[in-house]
C-alpha atoms as a PDB file:
ATOM      1  CA  MET A   1      14.817   5.183 -39.851  1.00  0.00           C
ATOM      2  CA  PHE A   2      16.501   1.896 -40.489  1.00  0.00           C
ATOM      3  CA  LYS A   3      14.660  -0.904 -42.129  1.00  0.00           C
ATOM      4  CA  THR A   4      15.326  -4.501 -41.231  1.00  0.00           C
ATOM      5  CA  THR A   5      13.875  -7.766 -42.539  1.00  0.00           C
ATOM      6  CA  LEU A   6      12.383 -10.580 -40.583  1.00  0.00           C
ATOM      7  CA  GLY A   7      12.330 -14.290 -41.432  1.00  0.00           C
ATOM      8  CA  LEU A   8      12.023 -15.738 -44.833  1.00  0.00           C
ATOM      9  CA  ASN A   9       9.289 -13.520 -46.217  1.00  0.00           C
ATOM     10  CA  LYS A  10      11.637 -10.439 -46.073  1.00  0.00           C
ATOM     11  CA  THR A  11       8.986  -8.062 -44.823  1.00  0.00           C
ATOM     12  CA  PRO A  12      10.635  -4.716 -43.964  1.00  0.00           C
ATOM     13  CA  ILE A  13       9.989  -3.501 -40.419  1.00  0.00           C
ATOM     14  CA  GLU A  14      10.820   0.005 -39.162  1.00  0.00           C
ATOM     15  CA  ASP A  15      13.056   0.090 -36.037  1.00  0.00           C
ATOM     16  CA  LYS A  16      11.707   2.326 -33.353  1.00  0.00           C
ATOM     17  CA  PRO A  17      14.041   5.082 -32.145  1.00  0.00           C
ATOM     18  CA  LYS A  18      15.555   4.308 -28.753  1.00  0.00           C
ATOM     19  CA  PRO A  19      14.930   6.847 -26.031  1.00  0.00           C
ATOM     20  CA  LYS A  20      17.754   9.101 -24.981  1.00  0.00           C
ATOM     21  CA  THR A  21      19.257   8.372 -21.566  1.00  0.00           C
ATOM     22  CA  ASP A  22      18.731  11.962 -20.407  1.00  0.00           C
ATOM     23  CA  ASP A  23      15.034  12.032 -21.223  1.00  0.00           C
ATOM     24  CA  PRO A  24      12.862  12.561 -18.144  1.00  0.00           C
ATOM     25  CA  ILE A  25      10.981   9.475 -16.790  1.00  0.00           C
ATOM     26  CA  PRO A  26       7.331   9.634 -17.962  1.00  0.00           C
ATOM     27  CA  LYS A  27       4.906  10.129 -15.106  1.00  0.00           C
ATOM     28  CA  GLU A  28       2.966   6.962 -15.822  1.00  0.00           C
ATOM     29  CA  MET A  29       6.227   4.951 -15.206  1.00  0.00           C
ATOM     30  CA  ILE A  30       6.860   6.440 -11.839  1.00  0.00           C
ATOM     31  CA  VAL A  31       5.627   4.009  -9.094  1.00  0.00           C
ATOM     32  CA  LYS A  32       4.537   5.538  -5.806  1.00  0.00           C
ATOM     33  CA  ASP A  33       5.299   3.553  -2.704  1.00  0.00           C
ATOM     34  CA  LYS A  34       2.010   2.725  -1.125  1.00  0.00           C
ATOM     35  CA  ASN A  35       3.608   1.881   2.255  1.00  0.00           C
ATOM     36  CA  ILE A  36       4.432   5.399   2.999  1.00  0.00           C
ATOM     37  CA  PRO A  37       1.863   6.897   5.408  1.00  0.00           C
ATOM     38  CA  LYS A  38       0.179  10.202   4.595  1.00  0.00           C
ATOM     39  CA  ASP A  39       0.604  11.267   8.201  1.00  0.00           C
ATOM     40  CA  PRO A  40       3.746   9.732   9.726  1.00  0.00           C
ATOM     41  CA  ILE A  41       2.986  11.189  13.153  1.00  0.00           C
ATOM     42  CA  LYS A  42      -0.401   9.521  13.369  1.00  0.00           C
ATOM     43  CA  PHE A  43       1.092   6.324  11.926  1.00  0.00           C
ATOM     44  CA  ALA A  44       3.631   6.205  14.739  1.00  0.00           C
ATOM     45  CA  GLN A  45       1.019   7.081  17.416  1.00  0.00           C
ATOM     46  CA  ALA A  46      -1.199   4.340  16.176  1.00  0.00           C
ATOM     47  CA  ILE A  47       1.646   1.691  16.427  1.00  0.00           C
ATOM     48  CA  ASN A  48       2.723   2.912  19.886  1.00  0.00           C
ATOM     49  CA  GLN A  49      -0.894   2.994  21.212  1.00  0.00           C
ATOM     50  CA  ALA A  50      -1.630  -0.434  19.858  1.00  0.00           C
ATOM     51  CA  LYS A  51       1.533  -1.893  21.444  1.00  0.00           C
ATOM     52  CA  GLN A  52       0.568  -0.292  24.789  1.00  0.00           C
ATOM     53  CA  LEU A  53      -3.016  -1.542  24.571  1.00  0.00           C
ATOM     54  CA  ILE A  54      -1.765  -5.136  23.954  1.00  0.00           C
ATOM     55  CA  LYS A  55       0.631  -4.815  26.804  1.00  0.00           C
ATOM     56  CA  ASP A  56      -2.278  -3.630  29.078  1.00  0.00           C
ATOM     57  CA  GLY A  57      -4.139  -6.891  28.208  1.00  0.00           C
ATOM     58  CA  LYS A  58      -6.575  -5.688  25.637  1.00  0.00           C
ATOM     59  CA  THR A  59      -7.663  -8.076  22.835  1.00  0.00           C
ATOM     60  CA  LYS A  60      -6.488  -7.718  19.276  1.00  0.00           C
ATOM     61  CA  VAL A  61     -10.005  -6.746  18.249  1.00  0.00           C
ATOM     62  CA  GLU A  62     -10.307  -4.025  20.938  1.00  0.00           C
ATOM     63  CA  THR A  63      -6.908  -2.755  20.038  1.00  0.00           C
ATOM     64  CA  ALA A  64      -7.553  -2.549  16.272  1.00  0.00           C
ATOM     65  CA  LYS A  65     -10.835  -0.761  16.934  1.00  0.00           C
ATOM     66  CA  ALA A  66      -9.102   1.772  19.217  1.00  0.00           C
ATOM     67  CA  VAL A  67      -6.358   2.653  16.717  1.00  0.00           C
ATOM     68  CA  PHE A  68      -8.360   2.519  13.517  1.00  0.00           C
ATOM     69  CA  PRO A  69      -9.752   6.111  13.745  1.00  0.00           C
ATOM     70  CA  LEU A  70      -6.154   7.346  13.685  1.00  0.00           C
ATOM     71  CA  ILE A  71      -5.328   5.617  10.425  1.00  0.00           C
ATOM     72  CA  CYS A  72      -8.705   5.218   8.636  1.00  0.00           C
ATOM     73  CA  ASN A  73      -7.752   7.717   5.945  1.00  0.00           C
ATOM     74  CA  GLU A  74      -4.427   5.853   5.070  1.00  0.00           C
ATOM     75  CA  ASN A  75      -3.885   3.367   2.270  1.00  0.00           C
ATOM     76  CA  LYS A  76      -4.798  -0.217   2.975  1.00  0.00           C
ATOM     77  CA  GLU A  77      -1.064  -1.203   3.011  1.00  0.00           C
ATOM     78  CA  VAL A  78      -0.356   1.340   5.756  1.00  0.00           C
ATOM     79  CA  ILE A  79      -3.305   0.095   7.865  1.00  0.00           C
ATOM     80  CA  HIS A  80      -2.112  -3.515   7.305  1.00  0.00           C
ATOM     81  CA  GLN A  81       1.310  -2.481   8.498  1.00  0.00           C
ATOM     82  CA  VAL A  82      -0.087  -0.855  11.824  1.00  0.00           C
ATOM     83  CA  PHE A  83      -2.150  -3.895  12.510  1.00  0.00           C
ATOM     84  CA  MET A  84       0.717  -6.246  11.990  1.00  0.00           C
ATOM     85  CA  GLU A  85       3.246  -4.228  13.870  1.00  0.00           C
ATOM     86  CA  GLY A  86       1.140  -2.815  16.565  1.00  0.00           C
ATOM     87  CA  CYS A  87      -1.516  -5.481  17.186  1.00  0.00           C
ATOM     88  CA  GLY A  88       0.515  -8.457  16.327  1.00  0.00           C
ATOM     89  CA  LEU A  89      -1.709  -9.688  13.570  1.00  0.00           C
ATOM     90  CA  THR A  90      -0.703 -11.722  10.534  1.00  0.00           C
ATOM     91  CA  GLU A  91      -1.039 -10.297   7.087  1.00  0.00           C
ATOM     92  CA  LYS A  92      -4.235 -12.215   6.391  1.00  0.00           C
ATOM     93  CA  GLY A  93      -5.618 -11.180   9.825  1.00  0.00           C
ATOM     94  CA  SER A  94      -4.884  -7.596   9.262  1.00  0.00           C
ATOM     95  CA  MET A  95      -6.816  -7.738   5.918  1.00  0.00           C
ATOM     96  CA  THR A  96      -9.768  -9.278   7.641  1.00  0.00           C
ATOM     97  CA  TYR A  97      -9.747  -6.791  10.495  1.00  0.00           C
ATOM     98  CA  ARG A  98      -9.474  -3.750   8.084  1.00  0.00           C
ATOM     99  CA  TYR A  99     -12.406  -5.189   6.058  1.00  0.00           C
ATOM    100  CA  ASN A 100     -14.582  -5.686   9.112  1.00  0.00           C
ATOM    101  CA  LEU A 101     -13.784  -2.254  10.566  1.00  0.00           C
ATOM    102  CA  ILE A 102     -14.560  -0.520   7.344  1.00  0.00           C
ATOM    103  CA  ARG A 103     -17.824  -2.429   7.015  1.00  0.00           C
ATOM    104  CA  ASP A 104     -18.815  -1.549  10.703  1.00  0.00           C
ATOM    105  CA  GLN A 105     -17.879   2.093   9.926  1.00  0.00           C
ATOM    106  CA  LYS A 106     -20.245   2.108   6.957  1.00  0.00           C
ATOM    107  CA  LYS A 107     -23.044   0.530   8.992  1.00  0.00           C
ATOM    108  CA  SER A 108     -22.847   3.106  11.761  1.00  0.00           C
ATOM    109  CA  LYS A 109     -23.291   5.979   9.311  1.00  0.00           C
END
């Protein structure tokens, strides 16, 4: 190890060894993308069904309630994406709808 000194007090500090470039990436440093759906087929079905329901004249609430069972096991980011793309909600609106639908689902159990 190399020793260096800092400032005027001349206190020795050991340099940490630098990681090799061919070292594998530690698992805790790997970031998983939360926007990737667990089930891409149901994800696509939910968006298509939501767009069709909106086209048929259903309200955003009715549409969100209809497609929620397809995507209820997904990450919240995926649910927000379906609500924004399929139902035409804003980001804040999709958060509110998701929260309300989860709350209603818990009440009905």
